């Protein structure tokens, strides 16, 4: 079963190298497969290059999907990280 949540990019510079590194590190702690989506663009949460290609600026709404035994925990961790502005706000 795929679990889904949404989050809005809140940090001023959007999804750049430091936040991407934090996303990858956080997603890698979980066994679930996690995908982020912006409009029609999708990215594996463990792939820095794919995340960069999302072109997610401040105010961008992300759809986060997770599938696996710890999907809810992964979603909670990732949504919290994003909503907190990756600690940059």
PDB file of N, CA and C in Angstrom:
ATOM      1  N   UNK A   1       0.838  -1.190   0.000  1.00  0.00           N
ATOM      2  CA  UNK A   1       0.000   0.000   0.000  1.00  0.00           C
ATOM      3  C   UNK A   1       0.883   1.254   0.000  1.00  0.00           C
ATOM      4  N   UNK A   2       0.520   2.206  -0.828  1.00  0.00           N
ATOM      5  CA  UNK A   2       1.256   3.465  -0.914  1.00  0.00           C
ATOM      6  C   UNK A   2       0.594   4.487   0.001  1.00  0.00           C
ATOM      7  N   UNK A   3       1.405   5.092   0.851  1.00  0.00           N
ATOM      8  CA  UNK A   3       0.946   6.168   1.738  1.00  0.00           C
ATOM      9  C   UNK A   3       1.414   7.479   1.130  1.00  0.00           C
ATOM     10  N   UNK A   4       0.598   8.537   1.281  1.00  0.00           N
ATOM     11  CA  UNK A   4       0.930   9.823   0.675  1.00  0.00           C
ATOM     12  C   UNK A   4       0.685  10.961   1.641  1.00  0.00           C
ATOM     13  N   UNK A   5       1.521  11.993   1.513  1.00  0.00           N
ATOM     14  CA  UNK A   5       1.340  13.245   2.256  1.00  0.00           C
ATOM     15  C   UNK A   5       1.847  14.369   1.372  1.00  0.00           C
ATOM     16  N   UNK A   6       1.501  15.579   1.739  1.00  0.00           N
ATOM     17  CA  UNK A   6       1.996  16.748   1.016  1.00  0.00           C
ATOM     18  C   UNK A   6       2.745  17.651   1.984  1.00  0.00           C
ATOM     19  N   UNK A   7       3.700  18.382   1.454  1.00  0.00           N
ATOM     20  CA  UNK A   7       4.451  19.359   2.235  1.00  0.00           C
ATOM     21  C   UNK A   7       4.843  20.493   1.299  1.00  0.00           C
ATOM     22  N   UNK A   8       5.039  21.669   1.882  1.00  0.00           N
ATOM     23  CA  UNK A   8       5.406  22.847   1.111  1.00  0.00           C
ATOM     24  C   UNK A   8       6.838  23.239   1.458  1.00  0.00           C
ATOM     25  N   UNK A   9       7.644  23.500   0.422  1.00  0.00           N
ATOM     26  CA  UNK A   9       9.013  23.965   0.625  1.00  0.00           C
ATOM     27  C   UNK A   9       8.945  25.351   1.254  1.00  0.00           C
ATOM     28  N   UNK A  10       9.537  25.504   2.433  1.00  0.00           N
ATOM     29  CA  UNK A  10       9.450  26.761   3.166  1.00  0.00           C
ATOM     30  C   UNK A  10      10.764  27.554   3.211  1.00  0.00           C
ATOM     31  N   UNK A  11      11.880  26.883   2.995  1.00  0.00           N
ATOM     32  CA  UNK A  11      13.144  27.614   3.068  1.00  0.00           C
ATOM     33  C   UNK A  11      13.304  28.511   1.835  1.00  0.00           C
ATOM     34  N   UNK A  12      13.922  29.640   2.028  1.00  0.00           N
ATOM     35  CA  UNK A  12      14.012  30.679   1.007  1.00  0.00           C
ATOM     36  C   UNK A  12      14.637  30.215  -0.304  1.00  0.00           C
ATOM     37  N   UNK A  13      15.676  29.411  -0.236  1.00  0.00           N
ATOM     38  CA  UNK A  13      16.395  29.015  -1.444  1.00  0.00           C
ATOM     39  C   UNK A  13      15.869  27.725  -2.078  1.00  0.00           C
ATOM     40  N   UNK A  14      14.820  27.156  -1.515  1.00  0.00           N
ATOM     41  CA  UNK A  14      14.224  25.967  -2.100  1.00  0.00           C
ATOM     42  C   UNK A  14      15.087  24.731  -1.927  1.00  0.00           C
ATOM     43  N   UNK A  15      14.873  23.785  -2.810  1.00  0.00           N
ATOM     44  CA  UNK A  15      15.558  22.494  -2.738  1.00  0.00           C
ATOM     45  C   UNK A  15      16.904  22.578  -3.459  1.00  0.00           C
ATOM     46  N   UNK A  16      17.929  22.950  -2.710  1.00  0.00           N
ATOM     47  CA  UNK A  16      19.283  23.030  -3.254  1.00  0.00           C
ATOM     48  C   UNK A  16      20.134  21.960  -2.573  1.00  0.00           C
ATOM     49  N   UNK A  17      21.453  22.013  -2.744  1.00  0.00           N
ATOM     50  CA  UNK A  17      22.317  20.911  -2.316  1.00  0.00           C
ATOM     51  C   UNK A  17      22.155  20.503  -0.843  1.00  0.00           C
ATOM     52  N   UNK A  18      22.216  21.440   0.094  1.00  0.00           N
ATOM     53  CA  UNK A  18      22.137  21.059   1.523  1.00  0.00           C
ATOM     54  C   UNK A  18      20.807  20.390   1.882  1.00  0.00           C
ATOM     55  N   UNK A  19      19.666  20.979   1.502  1.00  0.00           N
ATOM     56  CA  UNK A  19      18.408  20.290   1.803  1.00  0.00           C
ATOM     57  C   UNK A  19      18.282  18.934   1.107  1.00  0.00           C
ATOM     58  N   UNK A  20      18.797  18.844  -0.107  1.00  0.00           N
ATOM     59  CA  UNK A  20      18.751  17.560  -0.810  1.00  0.00           C
ATOM     60  C   UNK A  20      19.549  16.518  -0.046  1.00  0.00           C
ATOM     61  N   UNK A  21      20.725  16.898   0.440  1.00  0.00           N
ATOM     62  CA  UNK A  21      21.552  15.963   1.225  1.00  0.00           C
ATOM     63  C   UNK A  21      20.797  15.496   2.471  1.00  0.00           C
ATOM     64  N   UNK A  22      20.090  16.412   3.127  1.00  0.00           N
ATOM     65  CA  UNK A  22      19.324  16.043   4.320  1.00  0.00           C
ATOM     66  C   UNK A  22      18.154  15.126   3.954  1.00  0.00           C
ATOM     67  N   UNK A  23      17.509  15.389   2.822  1.00  0.00           N
ATOM     68  CA  UNK A  23      16.414  14.525   2.369  1.00  0.00           C
ATOM     69  C   UNK A  23      16.922  13.112   2.093  1.00  0.00           C
ATOM     70  N   UNK A  24      18.029  13.019   1.365  1.00  0.00           N
ATOM     71  CA  UNK A  24      18.606  11.712   1.026  1.00  0.00           C
ATOM     72  C   UNK A  24      18.996  10.967   2.297  1.00  0.00           C
ATOM     73  N   UNK A  25      19.660  11.658   3.226  1.00  0.00           N
ATOM     74  CA  UNK A  25      20.066  11.027   4.486  1.00  0.00           C
ATOM     75  C   UNK A  25      18.864  10.523   5.277  1.00  0.00           C
ATOM     76  N   UNK A  26      17.815  11.335   5.331  1.00  0.00           N
ATOM     77  CA  UNK A  26      16.612  10.953   6.079  1.00  0.00           C
ATOM     78  C   UNK A  26      15.910   9.779   5.406  1.00  0.00           C
ATOM     79  N   UNK A  27      15.706   9.843   4.099  1.00  0.00           N
ATOM     80  CA  UNK A  27      15.028   8.765   3.377  1.00  0.00           C
ATOM     81  C   UNK A  27      15.804   7.455   3.488  1.00  0.00           C
ATOM     82  N   UNK A  28      17.121   7.545   3.534  1.00  0.00           N
ATOM     83  CA  UNK A  28      17.970   6.351   3.588  1.00  0.00           C
ATOM     84  C   UNK A  28      17.888   5.619   4.924  1.00  0.00           C
ATOM     85  N   UNK A  29      17.348   6.261   5.931  1.00  0.00           N
ATOM     86  CA  UNK A  29      17.196   5.608   7.240  1.00  0.00           C
ATOM     87  C   UNK A  29      16.050   4.599   7.250  1.00  0.00           C
ATOM     88  N   UNK A  30      15.205   4.638   6.229  1.00  0.00           N
ATOM     89  CA  UNK A  30      14.012   3.798   6.189  1.00  0.00           C
ATOM     90  C   UNK A  30      14.114   2.755   5.077  1.00  0.00           C
ATOM     91  N   UNK A  31      13.413   1.653   5.264  1.00  0.00           N
ATOM     92  CA  UNK A  31      13.395   0.591   4.257  1.00  0.00           C
ATOM     93  C   UNK A  31      12.419   0.888   3.124  1.00  0.00           C
ATOM     94  N   UNK A  32      11.416   1.679   3.401  1.00  0.00           N
ATOM     95  CA  UNK A  32      10.379   1.971   2.409  1.00  0.00           C
ATOM     96  C   UNK A  32      10.935   2.703   1.198  1.00  0.00           C
ATOM     97  N   UNK A  33      10.302   2.477   0.074  1.00  0.00           N
ATOM     98  CA  UNK A  33      10.621   3.210  -1.155  1.00  0.00           C
ATOM     99  C   UNK A  33       9.888   4.536  -1.081  1.00  0.00           C
ATOM    100  N   UNK A  34      10.617   5.637  -1.218  1.00  0.00           N
ATOM    101  CA  UNK A  34      10.021   6.969  -1.089  1.00  0.00           C
ATOM    102  C   UNK A  34      10.235   7.741  -2.390  1.00  0.00           C
ATOM    103  N   UNK A  35       9.145   8.338  -2.877  1.00  0.00           N
ATOM    104  CA  UNK A  35       9.171   9.131  -4.096  1.00  0.00           C
ATOM    105  C   UNK A  35       8.590  10.501  -3.808  1.00  0.00           C
ATOM    106  N   UNK A  36       9.232  11.538  -4.352  1.00  0.00           N
ATOM    107  CA  UNK A  36       8.715  12.896  -4.258  1.00  0.00           C
ATOM    108  C   UNK A  36       8.237  13.318  -5.633  1.00  0.00           C
ATOM    109  N   UNK A  37       7.166  14.104  -5.661  1.00  0.00           N
ATOM    110  CA  UNK A  37       6.606  14.536  -6.938  1.00  0.00           C
ATOM    111  C   UNK A  37       6.272  16.019  -6.886  1.00  0.00           C
ATOM    112  N   UNK A  38       6.633  16.725  -7.958  1.00  0.00           N
ATOM    113  CA  UNK A  38       6.254  18.118  -8.190  1.00  0.00           C
ATOM    114  C   UNK A  38       5.633  18.143  -9.581  1.00  0.00           C
ATOM    115  N   UNK A  39       4.369  18.475  -9.644  1.00  0.00           N
ATOM    116  CA  UNK A  39       3.631  18.444 -10.905  1.00  0.00           C
ATOM    117  C   UNK A  39       3.801  17.071 -11.545  1.00  0.00           C
ATOM    118  N   UNK A  40       4.366  16.984 -12.748  1.00  0.00           N
ATOM    119  CA  UNK A  40       4.513  15.676 -13.402  1.00  0.00           C
ATOM    120  C   UNK A  40       5.919  15.093 -13.248  1.00  0.00           C
ATOM    121  N   UNK A  41       6.770  15.755 -12.450  1.00  0.00           N
ATOM    122  CA  UNK A  41       8.149  15.289 -12.247  1.00  0.00           C
ATOM    123  C   UNK A  41       8.235  14.476 -10.956  1.00  0.00           C
ATOM    124  N   UNK A  42       8.848  13.290 -11.045  1.00  0.00           N
ATOM    125  CA  UNK A  42       9.009  12.423  -9.887  1.00  0.00           C
ATOM    126  C   UNK A  42      10.478  12.164  -9.633  1.00  0.00           C
ATOM    127  N   UNK A  43      10.811  11.934  -8.352  1.00  0.00           N
ATOM    128  CA  UNK A  43      12.200  11.658  -7.983  1.00  0.00           C
ATOM    129  C   UNK A  43      12.249  10.649  -6.851  1.00  0.00           C
ATOM    130  N   UNK A  44      13.209   9.748  -6.938  1.00  0.00           N
ATOM    131  CA  UNK A  44      13.510   8.830  -5.850  1.00  0.00           C
ATOM    132  C   UNK A  44      14.149   9.656  -4.745  1.00  0.00           C
ATOM    133  N   UNK A  45      13.653   9.533  -3.526  1.00  0.00           N
ATOM    134  CA  UNK A  45      14.151  10.341  -2.407  1.00  0.00           C
ATOM    135  C   UNK A  45      15.586  10.010  -2.028  1.00  0.00           C
ATOM    136  N   UNK A  46      16.137   8.944  -2.576  1.00  0.00           N
ATOM    137  CA  UNK A  46      17.538   8.584  -2.297  1.00  0.00           C
ATOM    138  C   UNK A  46      18.481   9.009  -3.419  1.00  0.00           C
ATOM    139  N   UNK A  47      17.969   9.716  -4.407  1.00  0.00           N
ATOM    140  CA  UNK A  47      18.776  10.127  -5.555  1.00  0.00           C
ATOM    141  C   UNK A  47      18.935  11.650  -5.585  1.00  0.00           C
ATOM    142  N   UNK A  48      20.108  12.150  -5.197  1.00  0.00           N
ATOM    143  CA  UNK A  48      20.317  13.601  -5.200  1.00  0.00           C
ATOM    144  C   UNK A  48      20.075  14.229  -6.579  1.00  0.00           C
ATOM    145  N   UNK A  49      20.519  13.582  -7.635  1.00  0.00           N
ATOM    146  CA  UNK A  49      20.346  14.152  -8.971  1.00  0.00           C
ATOM    147  C   UNK A  49      18.865  14.235  -9.348  1.00  0.00           C
ATOM    148  N   UNK A  50      18.116  13.189  -9.057  1.00  0.00           N
ATOM    149  CA  UNK A  50      16.677  13.218  -9.365  1.00  0.00           C
ATOM    150  C   UNK A  50      15.979  14.302  -8.552  1.00  0.00           C
ATOM    151  N   UNK A  51      16.352  14.459  -7.284  1.00  0.00           N
ATOM    152  CA  UNK A  51      15.740  15.493  -6.442  1.00  0.00           C
ATOM    153  C   UNK A  51      16.046  16.884  -6.987  1.00  0.00           C
ATOM    154  N   UNK A  52      17.255  17.094  -7.445  1.00  0.00           N
ATOM    155  CA  UNK A  52      17.634  18.383  -8.023  1.00  0.00           C
ATOM    156  C   UNK A  52      16.770  18.699  -9.244  1.00  0.00           C
ATOM    157  N   UNK A  53      16.440  17.688 -10.013  1.00  0.00           N
ATOM    158  CA  UNK A  53      15.646  17.869 -11.229  1.00  0.00           C
ATOM    159  C   UNK A  53      14.180  18.222 -10.947  1.00  0.00           C
ATOM    160  N   UNK A  54      13.764  18.143  -9.689  1.00  0.00           N
ATOM    161  CA  UNK A  54      12.396  18.546  -9.346  1.00  0.00           C
ATOM    162  C   UNK A  54      12.212  20.059  -9.458  1.00  0.00           C
ATOM    163  N   UNK A  55      13.305  20.810  -9.364  1.00  0.00           N
ATOM    164  CA  UNK A  55      13.280  22.265  -9.436  1.00  0.00           C
ATOM    165  C   UNK A  55      12.227  22.803  -8.464  1.00  0.00           C
ATOM    166  N   UNK A  56      12.388  22.468  -7.199  1.00  0.00           N
ATOM    167  CA  UNK A  56      11.427  22.854  -6.164  1.00  0.00           C
ATOM    168  C   UNK A  56      11.914  24.112  -5.451  1.00  0.00           C
ATOM    169  N   UNK A  57      11.279  25.225  -5.744  1.00  0.00           N
ATOM    170  CA  UNK A  57      11.622  26.504  -5.131  1.00  0.00           C
ATOM    171  C   UNK A  57      10.733  26.753  -3.913  1.00  0.00           C
ATOM    172  N   UNK A  58      11.018  27.837  -3.204  1.00  0.00           N
ATOM    173  CA  UNK A  58      10.206  28.192  -2.042  1.00  0.00           C
ATOM    174  C   UNK A  58       8.735  28.297  -2.453  1.00  0.00           C
ATOM    175  N   UNK A  59       7.871  27.667  -1.679  1.00  0.00           N
ATOM    176  CA  UNK A  59       6.442  27.671  -1.972  1.00  0.00           C
ATOM    177  C   UNK A  59       5.966  26.491  -2.787  1.00  0.00           C
ATOM    178  N   UNK A  60       6.883  25.691  -3.292  1.00  0.00           N
ATOM    179  CA  UNK A  60       6.513  24.514  -4.088  1.00  0.00           C
ATOM    180  C   UNK A  60       5.853  23.466  -3.200  1.00  0.00           C
ATOM    181  N   UNK A  61       4.749  22.921  -3.685  1.00  0.00           N
ATOM    182  CA  UNK A  61       4.049  21.851  -2.975  1.00  0.00           C
ATOM    183  C   UNK A  61       4.578  20.504  -3.473  1.00  0.00           C
ATOM    184  N   UNK A  62       5.091  19.707  -2.536  1.00  0.00           N
ATOM    185  CA  UNK A  62       5.611  18.378  -2.846  1.00  0.00           C
ATOM    186  C   UNK A  62       4.596  17.314  -2.454  1.00  0.00           C
ATOM    187  N   UNK A  63       4.442  16.344  -3.292  1.00  0.00           N
ATOM    188  CA  UNK A  63       3.667  15.152  -2.957  1.00  0.00           C
ATOM    189  C   UNK A  63       4.689  14.085  -2.602  1.00  0.00           C
ATOM    190  N   UNK A  64       4.567  13.506  -1.416  1.00  0.00           N
ATOM    191  CA  UNK A  64       5.522  12.507  -0.946  1.00  0.00           C
ATOM    192  C   UNK A  64       4.796  11.181  -0.825  1.00  0.00           C
ATOM    193  N   UNK A  65       5.335  10.157  -1.485  1.00  0.00           N
ATOM    194  CA  UNK A  65       4.717   8.843  -1.474  1.00  0.00           C
ATOM    195  C   UNK A  65       5.714   7.827  -0.935  1.00  0.00           C
ATOM    196  N   UNK A  66       5.235   6.955  -0.064  1.00  0.00           N
ATOM    197  CA  UNK A  66       6.102   5.928   0.515  1.00  0.00           C
ATOM    198  C   UNK A  66       5.374   4.595   0.506  1.00  0.00           C
ATOM    199  N   UNK A  67       6.135   3.550   0.203  1.00  0.00           N
ATOM    200  CA  UNK A  67       5.574   2.208   0.174  1.00  0.00           C
ATOM    201  C   UNK A  67       6.540   1.274   0.895  1.00  0.00           C
ATOM    202  N   UNK A  68       6.006   0.585   1.915  1.00  0.00           N
ATOM    203  CA  UNK A  68       6.829  -0.348   2.672  1.00  0.00           C
ATOM    204  C   UNK A  68       6.364  -0.419   4.118  1.00  0.00           C
ATOM    205  N   UNK A  69       7.032  -1.261   4.887  1.00  0.00           N
ATOM    206  CA  UNK A  69       6.626  -1.491   6.275  1.00  0.00           C
ATOM    207  C   UNK A  69       6.740  -0.256   7.160  1.00  0.00           C
ATOM    208  N   UNK A  70       7.707   0.613   6.882  1.00  0.00           N
ATOM    209  CA  UNK A  70       7.885   1.801   7.722  1.00  0.00           C
ATOM    210  C   UNK A  70       7.508   3.084   6.971  1.00  0.00           C
ATOM    211  N   UNK A  71       6.559   2.968   6.045  1.00  0.00           N
ATOM    212  CA  UNK A  71       6.166   4.100   5.203  1.00  0.00           C
ATOM    213  C   UNK A  71       5.652   5.284   6.007  1.00  0.00           C
ATOM    214  N   UNK A  72       4.813   5.047   6.980  1.00  0.00           N
ATOM    215  CA  UNK A  72       4.263   6.149   7.779  1.00  0.00           C
ATOM    216  C   UNK A  72       5.364   6.886   8.540  1.00  0.00           C
ATOM    217  N   UNK A  73       6.317   6.146   9.091  1.00  0.00           N
ATOM    218  CA  UNK A  73       7.422   6.769   9.817  1.00  0.00           C
ATOM    219  C   UNK A  73       8.298   7.582   8.858  1.00  0.00           C
ATOM    220  N   UNK A  74       8.544   7.037   7.671  1.00  0.00           N
ATOM    221  CA  UNK A  74       9.339   7.756   6.676  1.00  0.00           C
ATOM    222  C   UNK A  74       8.646   9.052   6.266  1.00  0.00           C
ATOM    223  N   UNK A  75       7.350   8.973   6.016  1.00  0.00           N
ATOM    224  CA  UNK A  75       6.596  10.172   5.647  1.00  0.00           C
ATOM    225  C   UNK A  75       6.653  11.218   6.748  1.00  0.00           C
ATOM    226  N   UNK A  76       6.463  10.786   7.975  1.00  0.00           N
ATOM    227  CA  UNK A  76       6.504  11.722   9.100  1.00  0.00           C
ATOM    228  C   UNK A  76       7.843  12.427   9.205  1.00  0.00           C
ATOM    229  N   UNK A  77       8.924  11.676   9.051  1.00  0.00           N
ATOM    230  CA  UNK A  77      10.265  12.260   9.144  1.00  0.00           C
ATOM    231  C   UNK A  77      10.516  13.243   7.998  1.00  0.00           C
ATOM    232  N   UNK A  78      10.139  12.875   6.790  1.00  0.00           N
ATOM    233  CA  UNK A  78      10.388  13.732   5.634  1.00  0.00           C
ATOM    234  C   UNK A  78       9.511  14.980   5.642  1.00  0.00           C
ATOM    235  N   UNK A  79       8.238  14.823   5.971  1.00  0.00           N
ATOM    236  CA  UNK A  79       7.350  15.987   6.041  1.00  0.00           C
ATOM    237  C   UNK A  79       7.846  16.941   7.126  1.00  0.00           C
ATOM    238  N   UNK A  80       8.255  16.407   8.275  1.00  0.00           N
ATOM    239  CA  UNK A  80       8.778  17.251   9.345  1.00  0.00           C
ATOM    240  C   UNK A  80      10.009  18.026   8.901  1.00  0.00           C
ATOM    241  N   UNK A  81      10.914  17.372   8.204  1.00  0.00           N
ATOM    242  CA  UNK A  81      12.131  18.004   7.707  1.00  0.00           C
ATOM    243  C   UNK A  81      11.798  19.130   6.726  1.00  0.00           C
ATOM    244  N   UNK A  82      10.891  18.860   5.801  1.00  0.00           N
ATOM    245  CA  UNK A  82      10.514  19.844   4.786  1.00  0.00           C
ATOM    246  C   UNK A  82       9.782  21.017   5.422  1.00  0.00           C
ATOM    247  N   UNK A  83       8.794  20.733   6.257  1.00  0.00           N
ATOM    248  CA  UNK A  83       8.003  21.784   6.890  1.00  0.00           C
ATOM    249  C   UNK A  83       8.844  22.659   7.815  1.00  0.00           C
ATOM    250  N   UNK A  84       9.939  22.094   8.343  1.00  0.00           N
ATOM    251  CA  UNK A  84      10.847  22.849   9.207  1.00  0.00           C
ATOM    252  C   UNK A  84      11.826  23.702   8.395  1.00  0.00           C
ATOM    253  N   UNK A  85      11.716  23.641   7.078  1.00  0.00           N
ATOM    254  CA  UNK A  85      12.617  24.412   6.229  1.00  0.00           C
ATOM    255  C   UNK A  85      14.020  23.851   6.207  1.00  0.00           C
ATOM    256  N   UNK A  86      14.146  22.542   6.496  1.00  0.00           N
ATOM    257  CA  UNK A  86      15.450  21.862   6.506  1.00  0.00           C
ATOM    258  C   UNK A  86      16.399  22.484   7.512  1.00  0.00           C
ATOM    259  N   UNK A  87      15.849  23.148   8.530  1.00  0.00           N
ATOM    260  CA  UNK A  87      16.676  23.807   9.531  1.00  0.00           C
ATOM    261  C   UNK A  87      17.332  25.084   9.034  1.00  0.00           C
ATOM    262  N   UNK A  88      16.909  25.578   7.868  1.00  0.00           N
ATOM    263  CA  UNK A  88      17.509  26.781   7.286  1.00  0.00           C
ATOM    264  C   UNK A  88      16.698  28.039   7.543  1.00  0.00           C
ATOM    265  N   UNK A  89      15.459  27.890   7.947  1.00  0.00           N
ATOM    266  CA  UNK A  89      14.586  29.048   8.111  1.00  0.00           C
ATOM    267  C   UNK A  89      14.929  29.852   9.342  1.00  0.00           C
TER     268      UNK A  89
END
